[in-house]
Amino acid sequence: MDKNKLKVMWQVVDGYQSVHWAAAKLKKSERIIKRYAARLKSNPDDDLIHKNRGKEPVNKTDHEKIWQLYMKKYYGMNITFFCEKLLKNGNTKVSEGLVRLIFKEHDEFSVQVWHRTKNELRKRLREMKRLTKQQKEVLVQLEAEPYIKTTHPTQPRSKYFGEELQMDASIHLWFGKRKCALHTALDDATGMIVGAYFDWQETRNGYYQITRQFGFYPCFGT
């Protein structure tokens, strides 16, 4: 029995804490937190242990192993290419749906996910009081994306990571009471932010700082 999980969930059920708070505390999605709350309301003696605990699943896939492969070897690839690489290089057949689930478990997203999914993640990260380094990087990317898209309309993407760099500066009230410019550099093929730099206005130095953060690209776009 996980006493900490029960303690956190009873605070939600009794109305002392929010679903957002519990999701951050237990590192679970809001959907799972709501499911836990419903189980406790219908059965106060429920220990919230998964029914399949201790059982070997029929199609067992190690989520953490897949996540580590993505972070260490394939980071920045979209979901489709990532699944193809897993099958080709490791003979591991993984569905795109499972990869999306793993991404969601780690607050990661692909450039191809729905706007609704990105908006939900952006809202949850904004409401969390403490963010990991990875969560902070994801939030910066989510906050910057709408402003970058307004100046870069939809166009055919490059085929490979590292081919073309898209750069832009977005002046906005990012924090505090004074507007400033967020200079960003995105890999055109993956949509991954490879550089970011704040300055009080759009400057050459801002663009210089973001281009030196990741490395040389043969082609640039603004």
Foldseek 3Di string as FASTA:
>chain_A
DPPVLLVLLVCCLVPNDHLLVSCVVVLHDSVVSVVVSVVCVVPVPDPPDDPCPPHDDPDDDDLVVLVVCCVPPNPLDALVVSQVCCCVPPVDHDDSVVVQVSCVSVLHHFPPDDPVVLVVSLVSLVPDPDDDPVSVQSNVLSVCVVVLCVVPPDDDFDQDFQAEKEWDWDWDCPDDDATWIWIWIAGRNGRRTQFIDIDRYDDPVRVVRRDVRHHDGPYYHD
